[in-house]
């Protein structure tokens, strides 16, 4: 039973990610740091840690949610430039990703096949 509950908590969200480096403050009140490993998500609580995997190259990074967004249609997460560099998506600007909560209590509805 415990294994099943753990699987439910590890639900993943798949979709498009983009990156940003504009602004002086995040929605959580923190100073924007483009080189930090952080991200914006529409609903996850601030402080939630998620693993973001670039589905085209297999690279992944763990980021902390400290902002709200993305506000562009069809995107599930906005990453700082530092996180986007780790994922190898600076040139393309957008990547297909899988987002999985790894800490902080936030939960996602799974939409990955």
PDB file of N, CA and C in Angstrom:
ATOM      1  N   UNK A   1       0.821  -1.187   0.000  1.00  0.00           N
ATOM      2  CA  UNK A   1       0.000   0.000   0.000  1.00  0.00           C
ATOM      3  C   UNK A   1       0.871   1.259   0.000  1.00  0.00           C
ATOM      4  N   UNK A   2       1.953   1.255   0.770  1.00  0.00           N
ATOM      5  CA  UNK A   2       2.819   2.431   0.824  1.00  0.00           C
ATOM      6  C   UNK A   2       3.450   2.713  -0.529  1.00  0.00           C
ATOM      7  N   UNK A   3       3.827   1.676  -1.280  1.00  0.00           N
ATOM      8  CA  UNK A   3       4.403   1.871  -2.605  1.00  0.00           C
ATOM      9  C   UNK A   3       3.432   2.543  -3.545  1.00  0.00           C
ATOM     10  N   UNK A   4       2.163   2.164  -3.462  1.00  0.00           N
ATOM     11  CA  UNK A   4       1.159   2.771  -4.323  1.00  0.00           C
ATOM     12  C   UNK A   4       0.994   4.249  -4.004  1.00  0.00           C
ATOM     13  N   UNK A   5       0.960   4.594  -2.710  1.00  0.00           N
ATOM     14  CA  UNK A   5       0.822   5.997  -2.320  1.00  0.00           C
ATOM     15  C   UNK A   5       2.014   6.800  -2.813  1.00  0.00           C
ATOM     16  N   UNK A   6       3.213   6.234  -2.745  1.00  0.00           N
ATOM     17  CA  UNK A   6       4.401   6.926  -3.236  1.00  0.00           C
ATOM     18  C   UNK A   6       4.321   7.195  -4.722  1.00  0.00           C
ATOM     19  N   UNK A   7       3.756   6.253  -5.466  1.00  0.00           N
ATOM     20  CA  UNK A   7       3.607   6.447  -6.903  1.00  0.00           C
ATOM     21  C   UNK A   7       2.639   7.578  -7.189  1.00  0.00           C
ATOM     22  N   UNK A   8       1.566   7.691  -6.418  1.00  0.00           N
ATOM     23  CA  UNK A   8       0.586   8.749  -6.633  1.00  0.00           C
ATOM     24  C   UNK A   8       1.222  10.116  -6.401  1.00  0.00           C
ATOM     25  N   UNK A   9       2.099  10.220  -5.393  1.00  0.00           N
ATOM     26  CA  UNK A   9       2.742  11.488  -5.095  1.00  0.00           C
ATOM     27  C   UNK A   9       3.748  11.882  -6.167  1.00  0.00           C
ATOM     28  N   UNK A  10       4.250  10.925  -6.923  1.00  0.00           N
ATOM     29  CA  UNK A  10       5.265  11.202  -7.932  1.00  0.00           C
ATOM     30  C   UNK A  10       4.652  11.461  -9.310  1.00  0.00           C
ATOM     31  N   UNK A  11       3.407  11.930  -9.345  1.00  0.00           N
ATOM     32  CA  UNK A  11       2.763  12.241 -10.619  1.00  0.00           C
ATOM     33  C   UNK A  11       3.605  13.273 -11.364  1.00  0.00           C
ATOM     34  N   UNK A  12       3.614  13.161 -12.670  1.00  0.00           N
ATOM     35  CA  UNK A  12       4.405  14.066 -13.498  1.00  0.00           C
ATOM     36  C   UNK A  12       3.513  14.842 -14.447  1.00  0.00           C
ATOM     37  N   UNK A  13       3.962  16.036 -14.768  1.00  0.00           N
ATOM     38  CA  UNK A  13       3.268  16.895 -15.722  1.00  0.00           C
ATOM     39  C   UNK A  13       4.169  17.042 -16.937  1.00  0.00           C
ATOM     40  N   UNK A  14       3.647  16.776 -18.111  1.00  0.00           N
ATOM     41  CA  UNK A  14       4.422  16.902 -19.343  1.00  0.00           C
ATOM     42  C   UNK A  14       3.882  18.053 -20.178  1.00  0.00           C
ATOM     43  N   UNK A  15       4.776  18.710 -20.874  1.00  0.00           N
ATOM     44  CA  UNK A  15       4.382  19.830 -21.721  1.00  0.00           C
ATOM     45  C   UNK A  15       5.605  20.609 -22.146  1.00  0.00           C
ATOM     46  N   UNK A  16       5.397  21.854 -22.505  1.00  0.00           N
ATOM     47  CA  UNK A  16       6.478  22.717 -22.976  1.00  0.00           C
ATOM     48  C   UNK A  16       7.014  23.577 -21.836  1.00  0.00           C
ATOM     49  N   UNK A  17       8.322  23.775 -21.847  1.00  0.00           N
ATOM     50  CA  UNK A  17       8.981  24.695 -20.919  1.00  0.00           C
ATOM     51  C   UNK A  17       9.633  25.795 -21.731  1.00  0.00           C
ATOM     52  N   UNK A  18       9.713  26.965 -21.138  1.00  0.00           N
ATOM     53  CA  UNK A  18      10.454  28.073 -21.733  1.00  0.00           C
ATOM     54  C   UNK A  18      11.334  28.647 -20.628  1.00  0.00           C
ATOM     55  N   UNK A  19      12.167  29.622 -20.988  1.00  0.00           N
ATOM     56  CA  UNK A  19      13.005  30.236 -19.959  1.00  0.00           C
ATOM     57  C   UNK A  19      12.879  31.749 -20.031  1.00  0.00           C
ATOM     58  N   UNK A  20      13.187  32.388 -18.919  1.00  0.00           N
ATOM     59  CA  UNK A  20      13.080  33.842 -18.833  1.00  0.00           C
ATOM     60  C   UNK A  20      14.162  34.384 -17.911  1.00  0.00           C
ATOM     61  N   UNK A  21      14.476  35.660 -18.083  1.00  0.00           N
ATOM     62  CA  UNK A  21      15.478  36.290 -17.218  1.00  0.00           C
ATOM     63  C   UNK A  21      15.126  37.743 -16.935  1.00  0.00           C
ATOM     64  N   UNK A  22      13.905  38.111 -17.199  1.00  0.00           N
ATOM     65  CA  UNK A  22      13.468  39.495 -17.007  1.00  0.00           C
ATOM     66  C   UNK A  22      12.852  39.670 -15.625  1.00  0.00           C
ATOM     67  N   UNK A  23      12.723  40.905 -15.216  1.00  0.00           N
ATOM     68  CA  UNK A  23      12.063  41.219 -13.961  1.00  0.00           C
ATOM     69  C   UNK A  23      13.052  41.410 -12.831  1.00  0.00           C
ATOM     70  N   UNK A  24      12.610  42.110 -11.805  1.00  0.00           N
ATOM     71  CA  UNK A  24      13.470  42.365 -10.662  1.00  0.00           C
ATOM     72  C   UNK A  24      13.044  41.559  -9.443  1.00  0.00           C
ATOM     73  N   UNK A  25      11.753  41.224  -9.368  1.00  0.00           N
ATOM     74  CA  UNK A  25      11.247  40.444  -8.237  1.00  0.00           C
ATOM     75  C   UNK A  25      10.347  39.328  -8.740  1.00  0.00           C
ATOM     76  N   UNK A  26      10.379  38.221  -8.016  1.00  0.00           N
ATOM     77  CA  UNK A  26       9.487  37.103  -8.338  1.00  0.00           C
ATOM     78  C   UNK A  26       8.172  37.281  -7.576  1.00  0.00           C
ATOM     79  N   UNK A  27       7.183  36.487  -7.914  1.00  0.00           N
ATOM     80  CA  UNK A  27       5.887  36.557  -7.234  1.00  0.00           C
ATOM     81  C   UNK A  27       5.996  36.205  -5.749  1.00  0.00           C
ATOM     82  N   UNK A  28       7.035  35.468  -5.368  1.00  0.00           N
ATOM     83  CA  UNK A  28       7.233  35.118  -3.954  1.00  0.00           C
ATOM     84  C   UNK A  28       7.928  36.240  -3.186  1.00  0.00           C
ATOM     85  N   UNK A  29       8.313  37.307  -3.896  1.00  0.00           N
ATOM     86  CA  UNK A  29       8.973  38.439  -3.256  1.00  0.00           C
ATOM     87  C   UNK A  29      10.485  38.381  -3.294  1.00  0.00           C
ATOM     88  N   UNK A  30      11.042  37.304  -3.838  1.00  0.00           N
ATOM     89  CA  UNK A  30      12.495  37.181  -3.937  1.00  0.00           C
ATOM     90  C   UNK A  30      13.027  38.040  -5.078  1.00  0.00           C
ATOM     91  N   UNK A  31      14.274  38.434  -4.954  1.00  0.00           N
ATOM     92  CA  UNK A  31      14.945  39.133  -6.046  1.00  0.00           C
ATOM     93  C   UNK A  31      15.196  38.129  -7.168  1.00  0.00           C
ATOM     94  N   UNK A  32      14.918  38.525  -8.403  1.00  0.00           N
ATOM     95  CA  UNK A  32      15.128  37.647  -9.557  1.00  0.00           C
ATOM     96  C   UNK A  32      16.616  37.397  -9.743  1.00  0.00           C
ATOM     97  N   UNK A  33      16.994  36.130  -9.858  1.00  0.00           N
ATOM     98  CA  UNK A  33      18.381  35.739 -10.085  1.00  0.00           C
ATOM     99  C   UNK A  33      18.382  34.785 -11.269  1.00  0.00           C
ATOM    100  N   UNK A  34      18.768  35.280 -12.440  1.00  0.00           N
ATOM    101  CA  UNK A  34      18.699  34.492 -13.675  1.00  0.00           C
ATOM    102  C   UNK A  34      19.587  33.255 -13.638  1.00  0.00           C
ATOM    103  N   UNK A  35      20.640  33.264 -12.819  1.00  0.00           N
ATOM    104  CA  UNK A  35      21.537  32.105 -12.776  1.00  0.00           C
ATOM    105  C   UNK A  35      21.102  31.057 -11.744  1.00  0.00           C
ATOM    106  N   UNK A  36      20.107  31.378 -10.931  1.00  0.00           N
ATOM    107  CA  UNK A  36      19.616  30.428  -9.921  1.00  0.00           C
ATOM    108  C   UNK A  36      18.879  29.269 -10.579  1.00  0.00           C
ATOM    109  N   UNK A  37      18.780  28.167  -9.863  1.00  0.00           N
ATOM    110  CA  UNK A  37      18.008  27.019 -10.344  1.00  0.00           C
ATOM    111  C   UNK A  37      16.604  27.151  -9.769  1.00  0.00           C
ATOM    112  N   UNK A  38      15.795  27.944 -10.464  1.00  0.00           N
ATOM    113  CA  UNK A  38      14.448  28.263 -10.000  1.00  0.00           C
ATOM    114  C   UNK A  38      13.493  28.272 -11.185  1.00  0.00           C
ATOM    115  N   UNK A  39      12.191  28.353 -10.860  1.00  0.00           N
ATOM    116  CA  UNK A  39      11.192  28.290 -11.928  1.00  0.00           C
ATOM    117  C   UNK A  39       9.880  28.918 -11.492  1.00  0.00           C
ATOM    118  N   UNK A  40       9.047  29.181 -12.496  1.00  0.00           N
ATOM    119  CA  UNK A  40       7.685  29.664 -12.282  1.00  0.00           C
ATOM    120  C   UNK A  40       6.708  28.558 -12.663  1.00  0.00           C
ATOM    121  N   UNK A  41       5.691  28.372 -11.822  1.00  0.00           N
ATOM    122  CA  UNK A  41       4.633  27.391 -12.097  1.00  0.00           C
ATOM    123  C   UNK A  41       3.309  28.028 -11.686  1.00  0.00           C
ATOM    124  N   UNK A  42       2.246  27.685 -12.384  1.00  0.00           N
ATOM    125  CA  UNK A  42       0.947  28.299 -12.111  1.00  0.00           C
ATOM    126  C   UNK A  42       0.362  27.939 -10.747  1.00  0.00           C
ATOM    127  N   UNK A  43       0.556  26.698 -10.283  1.00  0.00           N
ATOM    128  CA  UNK A  43      -0.172  26.276  -9.083  1.00  0.00           C
ATOM    129  C   UNK A  43       0.657  25.672  -7.959  1.00  0.00           C
ATOM    130  N   UNK A  44       1.853  25.215  -8.215  1.00  0.00           N
ATOM    131  CA  UNK A  44       2.644  24.600  -7.142  1.00  0.00           C
ATOM    132  C   UNK A  44       3.017  25.637  -6.088  1.00  0.00           C
ATOM    133  N   UNK A  45       3.004  25.261  -4.811  1.00  0.00           N
ATOM    134  CA  UNK A  45       3.374  26.197  -3.745  1.00  0.00           C
ATOM    135  C   UNK A  45       4.829  26.661  -3.881  1.00  0.00           C
ATOM    136  N   UNK A  46       5.069  27.908  -3.495  1.00  0.00           N
ATOM    137  CA  UNK A  46       6.442  28.408  -3.472  1.00  0.00           C
ATOM    138  C   UNK A  46       7.275  27.503  -2.570  1.00  0.00           C
ATOM    139  N   UNK A  47       8.500  27.233  -2.989  1.00  0.00           N
ATOM    140  CA  UNK A  47       9.393  26.370  -2.226  1.00  0.00           C
ATOM    141  C   UNK A  47       9.374  24.919  -2.671  1.00  0.00           C
ATOM    142  N   UNK A  48       8.364  24.533  -3.460  1.00  0.00           N
ATOM    143  CA  UNK A  48       8.316  23.162  -3.972  1.00  0.00           C
ATOM    144  C   UNK A  48       9.513  22.924  -4.879  1.00  0.00           C
ATOM    145  N   UNK A  49      10.145  21.770  -4.730  1.00  0.00           N
ATOM    146  CA  UNK A  49      11.269  21.399  -5.602  1.00  0.00           C
ATOM    147  C   UNK A  49      10.772  20.395  -6.623  1.00  0.00           C
ATOM    148  N   UNK A  50      11.111  20.645  -7.883  1.00  0.00           N
ATOM    149  CA  UNK A  50      10.698  19.748  -8.963  1.00  0.00           C
ATOM    150  C   UNK A  50      11.900  19.373  -9.818  1.00  0.00           C
ATOM    151  N   UNK A  51      11.848  18.160 -10.354  1.00  0.00           N
ATOM    152  CA  UNK A  51      12.844  17.732 -11.338  1.00  0.00           C
ATOM    153  C   UNK A  51      12.239  17.999 -12.705  1.00  0.00           C
ATOM    154  N   UNK A  52      12.984  18.703 -13.543  1.00  0.00           N
ATOM    155  CA  UNK A  52      12.550  18.986 -14.907  1.00  0.00           C
ATOM    156  C   UNK A  52      13.477  18.224 -15.836  1.00  0.00           C
ATOM    157  N   UNK A  53      12.896  17.358 -16.664  1.00  0.00           N
ATOM    158  CA  UNK A  53      13.676  16.567 -17.619  1.00  0.00           C
ATOM    159  C   UNK A  53      13.369  17.028 -19.030  1.00  0.00           C
ATOM    160  N   UNK A  54      14.425  17.350 -19.781  1.00  0.00           N
ATOM    161  CA  UNK A  54      14.293  17.692 -21.195  1.00  0.00           C
ATOM    162  C   UNK A  54      14.113  16.374 -21.945  1.00  0.00           C
ATOM    163  N   UNK A  55      12.954  16.172 -22.534  1.00  0.00           N
ATOM    164  CA  UNK A  55      12.643  14.888 -23.166  1.00  0.00           C
ATOM    165  C   UNK A  55      13.408  14.655 -24.461  1.00  0.00           C
ATOM    166  N   UNK A  56      13.981  15.706 -25.049  1.00  0.00           N
ATOM    167  CA  UNK A  56      14.718  15.509 -26.304  1.00  0.00           C
ATOM    168  C   UNK A  56      16.165  15.079 -26.089  1.00  0.00           C
ATOM    169  N   UNK A  57      16.745  15.393 -24.903  1.00  0.00           N
ATOM    170  CA  UNK A  57      18.146  15.018 -24.691  1.00  0.00           C
ATOM    171  C   UNK A  57      18.391  14.268 -23.374  1.00  0.00           C
ATOM    172  N   UNK A  58      17.358  14.088 -22.561  1.00  0.00           N
ATOM    173  CA  UNK A  58      17.487  13.328 -21.322  1.00  0.00           C
ATOM    174  C   UNK A  58      18.125  14.082 -20.165  1.00  0.00           C
ATOM    175  N   UNK A  59      18.537  15.329 -20.369  1.00  0.00           N
ATOM    176  CA  UNK A  59      19.146  16.099 -19.283  1.00  0.00           C
ATOM    177  C   UNK A  59      18.073  16.548 -18.305  1.00  0.00           C
ATOM    178  N   UNK A  60      18.447  16.611 -17.013  1.00  0.00           N
ATOM    179  CA  UNK A  60      17.475  17.046 -16.010  1.00  0.00           C
ATOM    180  C   UNK A  60      18.129  17.961 -14.991  1.00  0.00           C
ATOM    181  N   UNK A  61      17.287  18.725 -14.303  1.00  0.00           N
ATOM    182  CA  UNK A  61      17.738  19.655 -13.276  1.00  0.00           C
ATOM    183  C   UNK A  61      16.637  19.744 -12.224  1.00  0.00           C
ATOM    184  N   UNK A  62      17.040  19.936 -10.960  1.00  0.00           N
ATOM    185  CA  UNK A  62      16.074  20.163  -9.890  1.00  0.00           C
ATOM    186  C   UNK A  62      16.026  21.661  -9.627  1.00  0.00           C
ATOM    187  N   UNK A  63      14.814  22.211  -9.656  1.00  0.00           N
ATOM    188  CA  UNK A  63      14.620  23.647  -9.443  1.00  0.00           C
ATOM    189  C   UNK A  63      13.617  23.866  -8.319  1.00  0.00           C
ATOM    190  N   UNK A  64      13.647  25.076  -7.770  1.00  0.00           N
ATOM    191  CA  UNK A  64      12.708  25.460  -6.710  1.00  0.00           C
ATOM    192  C   UNK A  64      11.702  26.447  -7.291  1.00  0.00           C
ATOM    193  N   UNK A  65      10.424  26.227  -7.009  1.00  0.00           N
ATOM    194  CA  UNK A  65       9.379  27.131  -7.495  1.00  0.00           C
ATOM    195  C   UNK A  65       9.388  28.397  -6.641  1.00  0.00           C
ATOM    196  N   UNK A  66       9.602  29.551  -7.294  1.00  0.00           N
ATOM    197  CA  UNK A  66       9.601  30.820  -6.566  1.00  0.00           C
ATOM    198  C   UNK A  66       8.864  31.925  -7.316  1.00  0.00           C
ATOM    199  N   UNK A  67       8.150  31.552  -8.391  1.00  0.00           N
ATOM    200  CA  UNK A  67       7.464  32.559  -9.200  1.00  0.00           C
ATOM    201  C   UNK A  67       6.202  31.946  -9.796  1.00  0.00           C
ATOM    202  N   UNK A  68       5.356  32.781 -10.358  1.00  0.00           N
ATOM    203  CA  UNK A  68       4.127  32.332 -11.013  1.00  0.00           C
ATOM    204  C   UNK A  68       4.249  32.493 -12.520  1.00  0.00           C
ATOM    205  N   UNK A  69       3.588  31.622 -13.236  1.00  0.00           N
ATOM    206  CA  UNK A  69       3.624  31.592 -14.687  1.00  0.00           C
ATOM    207  C   UNK A  69       3.666  30.134 -15.086  1.00  0.00           C
ATOM    208  N   UNK A  70       3.908  29.807 -16.298  1.00  0.00           N
ATOM    209  CA  UNK A  70       4.109  30.703 -17.439  1.00  0.00           C
ATOM    210  C   UNK A  70       2.777  31.268 -17.934  1.00  0.00           C
ATOM    211  N   UNK A  71       2.883  32.373 -18.623  1.00  0.00           N
ATOM    212  CA  UNK A  71       1.690  33.040 -19.127  1.00  0.00           C
ATOM    213  C   UNK A  71       1.520  32.862 -20.622  1.00  0.00           C
ATOM    214  N   UNK A  72       2.416  32.132 -21.258  1.00  0.00           N
ATOM    215  CA  UNK A  72       2.272  31.786 -22.674  1.00  0.00           C
ATOM    216  C   UNK A  72       1.502  30.475 -22.769  1.00  0.00           C
ATOM    217  N   UNK A  73       0.547  30.416 -23.662  1.00  0.00           N
ATOM    218  CA  UNK A  73      -0.300  29.240 -23.799  1.00  0.00           C
ATOM    219  C   UNK A  73       0.472  27.964 -24.091  1.00  0.00           C
ATOM    220  N   UNK A  74       0.015  26.872 -23.515  1.00  0.00           N
ATOM    221  CA  UNK A  74       0.595  25.568 -23.781  1.00  0.00           C
ATOM    222  C   UNK A  74       1.865  25.251 -23.025  1.00  0.00           C
ATOM    223  N   UNK A  75       2.327  26.138 -22.171  1.00  0.00           N
ATOM    224  CA  UNK A  75       3.556  25.879 -21.414  1.00  0.00           C
ATOM    225  C   UNK A  75       3.210  25.497 -19.986  1.00  0.00           C
ATOM    226  N   UNK A  76       4.015  24.586 -19.416  1.00  0.00           N
ATOM    227  CA  UNK A  76       3.744  24.107 -18.058  1.00  0.00           C
ATOM    228  C   UNK A  76       4.685  24.697 -17.018  1.00  0.00           C
ATOM    229  N   UNK A  77       5.856  25.205 -17.453  1.00  0.00           N
ATOM    230  CA  UNK A  77       6.826  25.754 -16.505  1.00  0.00           C
ATOM    231  C   UNK A  77       7.723  26.751 -17.227  1.00  0.00           C
ATOM    232  N   UNK A  78       8.110  27.802 -16.511  1.00  0.00           N
ATOM    233  CA  UNK A  78       9.090  28.776 -16.989  1.00  0.00           C
ATOM    234  C   UNK A  78      10.330  28.630 -16.122  1.00  0.00           C
ATOM    235  N   UNK A  79      11.477  28.501 -16.736  1.00  0.00           N
ATOM    236  CA  UNK A  79      12.735  28.273 -16.022  1.00  0.00           C
ATOM    237  C   UNK A  79      13.627  29.501 -16.064  1.00  0.00           C
ATOM    238  N   UNK A  80      14.481  29.640 -15.060  1.00  0.00           N
ATOM    239  CA  UNK A  80      15.508  30.671 -15.126  1.00  0.00           C
ATOM    240  C   UNK A  80      16.526  30.277 -16.193  1.00  0.00           C
ATOM    241  N   UNK A  81      17.317  31.247 -16.616  1.00  0.00           N
ATOM    242  CA  UNK A  81      18.348  30.963 -17.613  1.00  0.00           C
ATOM    243  C   UNK A  81      19.305  29.886 -17.108  1.00  0.00           C
ATOM    244  N   UNK A  82      19.661  29.935 -15.822  1.00  0.00           N
ATOM    245  CA  UNK A  82      20.573  28.941 -15.252  1.00  0.00           C
ATOM    246  C   UNK A  82      20.048  27.524 -15.392  1.00  0.00           C
ATOM    247  N   UNK A  83      18.754  27.337 -15.131  1.00  0.00           N
ATOM    248  CA  UNK A  83      18.149  26.008 -15.273  1.00  0.00           C
ATOM    249  C   UNK A  83      18.071  25.604 -16.741  1.00  0.00           C
ATOM    250  N   UNK A  84      17.726  26.555 -17.599  1.00  0.00           N
ATOM    251  CA  UNK A  84      17.629  26.271 -19.038  1.00  0.00           C
ATOM    252  C   UNK A  84      18.983  25.867 -19.613  1.00  0.00           C
ATOM    253  N   UNK A  85      20.054  26.488 -19.130  1.00  0.00           N
ATOM    254  CA  UNK A  85      21.402  26.111 -19.588  1.00  0.00           C
ATOM    255  C   UNK A  85      21.687  24.658 -19.239  1.00  0.00           C
ATOM    256  N   UNK A  86      21.343  24.244 -18.015  1.00  0.00           N
ATOM    257  CA  UNK A  86      21.579  22.857 -17.591  1.00  0.00           C
ATOM    258  C   UNK A  86      20.799  21.866 -18.450  1.00  0.00           C
ATOM    259  N   UNK A  87      19.640  22.300 -18.938  1.00  0.00           N
ATOM    260  CA  UNK A  87      18.804  21.425 -19.766  1.00  0.00           C
ATOM    261  C   UNK A  87      19.171  21.484 -21.245  1.00  0.00           C
ATOM    262  N   UNK A  88      20.075  22.393 -21.613  1.00  0.00           N
ATOM    263  CA  UNK A  88      20.492  22.509 -23.006  1.00  0.00           C
ATOM    264  C   UNK A  88      19.421  23.084 -23.913  1.00  0.00           C
ATOM    265  N   UNK A  89      18.665  24.064 -23.409  1.00  0.00           N
ATOM    266  CA  UNK A  89      17.567  24.616 -24.207  1.00  0.00           C
ATOM    267  C   UNK A  89      17.656  26.122 -24.434  1.00  0.00           C
ATOM    268  N   UNK A  90      18.831  26.701 -24.245  1.00  0.00           N
ATOM    269  CA  UNK A  90      18.974  28.145 -24.434  1.00  0.00           C
ATOM    270  C   UNK A  90      18.687  28.547 -25.877  1.00  0.00           C
ATOM    271  N   UNK A  91      19.305  27.877 -26.832  1.00  0.00           N
ATOM    272  CA  UNK A  91      19.115  28.233 -28.248  1.00  0.00           C
ATOM    273  C   UNK A  91      17.676  28.071 -28.703  1.00  0.00           C
ATOM    274  N   UNK A  92      17.078  26.943 -28.381  1.00  0.00           N
ATOM    275  CA  UNK A  92      15.713  26.669 -28.852  1.00  0.00           C
ATOM    276  C   UNK A  92      14.680  27.536 -28.139  1.00  0.00           C
ATOM    277  N   UNK A  93      14.948  27.893 -26.885  1.00  0.00           N
ATOM    278  CA  UNK A  93      14.022  28.722 -26.121  1.00  0.00           C
ATOM    279  C   UNK A  93      12.853  27.965 -25.519  1.00  0.00           C
ATOM    280  N   UNK A  94      12.474  26.864 -26.139  1.00  0.00           N
ATOM    281  CA  UNK A  94      11.350  26.046 -25.681  1.00  0.00           C
ATOM    282  C   UNK A  94      11.751  24.582 -25.807  1.00  0.00           C
ATOM    283  N   UNK A  95      11.316  23.761 -24.853  1.00  0.00           N
ATOM    284  CA  UNK A  95      11.619  22.325 -24.909  1.00  0.00           C
ATOM    285  C   UNK A  95      10.440  21.530 -24.362  1.00  0.00           C
ATOM    286  N   UNK A  96      10.299  20.309 -24.836  1.00  0.00           N
ATOM    287  CA  UNK A  96       9.323  19.375 -24.269  1.00  0.00           C
ATOM    288  C   UNK A  96       9.937  18.789 -23.006  1.00  0.00           C
ATOM    289  N   UNK A  97       9.195  18.874 -21.894  1.00  0.00           N
ATOM    290  CA  UNK A  97       9.737  18.459 -20.604  1.00  0.00           C
ATOM    291  C   UNK A  97       8.754  17.600 -19.830  1.00  0.00           C
ATOM    292  N   UNK A  98       9.318  16.937 -18.821  1.00  0.00           N
ATOM    293  CA  UNK A  98       8.545  16.194 -17.828  1.00  0.00           C
ATOM    294  C   UNK A  98       8.893  16.810 -16.478  1.00  0.00           C
ATOM    295  N   UNK A  99       7.896  17.249 -15.724  1.00  0.00           N
ATOM    296  CA  UNK A  99       8.082  17.898 -14.426  1.00  0.00           C
ATOM    297  C   UNK A  99       7.563  16.962 -13.339  1.00  0.00           C
ATOM    298  N   UNK A 100       8.416  16.652 -12.348  1.00  0.00           N
ATOM    299  CA  UNK A 100       8.049  15.748 -11.261  1.00  0.00           C
ATOM    300  C   UNK A 100       8.404  16.395  -9.927  1.00  0.00           C
ATOM    301  N   UNK A 101       7.462  16.432  -8.996  1.00  0.00           N
ATOM    302  CA  UNK A 101       7.719  16.992  -7.668  1.00  0.00           C
ATOM    303  C   UNK A 101       8.665  16.067  -6.918  1.00  0.00           C
ATOM    304  N   UNK A 102       9.735  16.643  -6.330  1.00  0.00           N
ATOM    305  CA  UNK A 102      10.682  15.853  -5.543  1.00  0.00           C
ATOM    306  C   UNK A 102      10.759  16.325  -4.092  1.00  0.00           C
ATOM    307  N   UNK A 103      10.131  17.447  -3.757  1.00  0.00           N
ATOM    308  CA  UNK A 103      10.146  17.927  -2.384  1.00  0.00           C
ATOM    309  C   UNK A 103       9.317  19.175  -2.212  1.00  0.00           C
ATOM    310  N   UNK A 104       8.833  19.385  -0.995  1.00  0.00           N
ATOM    311  CA  UNK A 104       8.131  20.614  -0.693  1.00  0.00           C
ATOM    312  C   UNK A 104       6.626  20.500  -0.595  1.00  0.00           C
ATOM    313  N   UNK A 105       6.081  19.336  -0.852  1.00  0.00           N
ATOM    314  CA  UNK A 105       4.667  19.125  -0.606  1.00  0.00           C
ATOM    315  C   UNK A 105       3.708  19.439  -1.730  1.00  0.00           C
ATOM    316  N   UNK A 106       4.160  20.027  -2.816  1.00  0.00           N
ATOM    317  CA  UNK A 106       3.251  20.301  -3.923  1.00  0.00           C
ATOM    318  C   UNK A 106       2.868  19.030  -4.653  1.00  0.00           C
ATOM    319  N   UNK A 107       1.706  19.048  -5.298  1.00  0.00           N
ATOM    320  CA  UNK A 107       1.248  17.883  -6.059  1.00  0.00           C
ATOM    321  C   UNK A 107       0.846  18.303  -7.461  1.00  0.00           C
ATOM    322  N   UNK A 108       1.070  17.403  -8.397  1.00  0.00           N
ATOM    323  CA  UNK A 108       0.711  17.623  -9.795  1.00  0.00           C
ATOM    324  C   UNK A 108      -0.309  16.594 -10.235  1.00  0.00           C
ATOM    325  N   UNK A 109      -1.150  16.981 -11.177  1.00  0.00           N
ATOM    326  CA  UNK A 109      -2.023  16.018 -11.856  1.00  0.00           C
ATOM    327  C   UNK A 109      -1.213  15.435 -12.992  1.00  0.00           C
ATOM    328  N   UNK A 110      -1.129  14.127 -13.048  1.00  0.00           N
ATOM    329  CA  UNK A 110      -0.331  13.484 -14.087  1.00  0.00           C
ATOM    330  C   UNK A 110      -1.022  13.585 -15.439  1.00  0.00           C
ATOM    331  N   UNK A 111      -0.255  14.014 -16.452  1.00  0.00           N
ATOM    332  CA  UNK A 111      -0.781  14.056 -17.813  1.00  0.00           C
ATOM    333  C   UNK A 111       0.212  13.439 -18.797  1.00  0.00           C
ATOM    334  N   UNK A 112       1.213  12.722 -18.280  1.00  0.00           N
ATOM    335  CA  UNK A 112       2.228  12.098 -19.132  1.00  0.00           C
ATOM    336  C   UNK A 112       1.787  10.690 -19.504  1.00  0.00           C
ATOM    337  N   UNK A 113       2.076  10.321 -20.753  1.00  0.00           N
ATOM    338  CA  UNK A 113       1.707   8.961 -21.162  1.00  0.00           C
ATOM    339  C   UNK A 113       2.901   8.039 -21.116  1.00  0.00           C
TER     340      UNK A 113
END
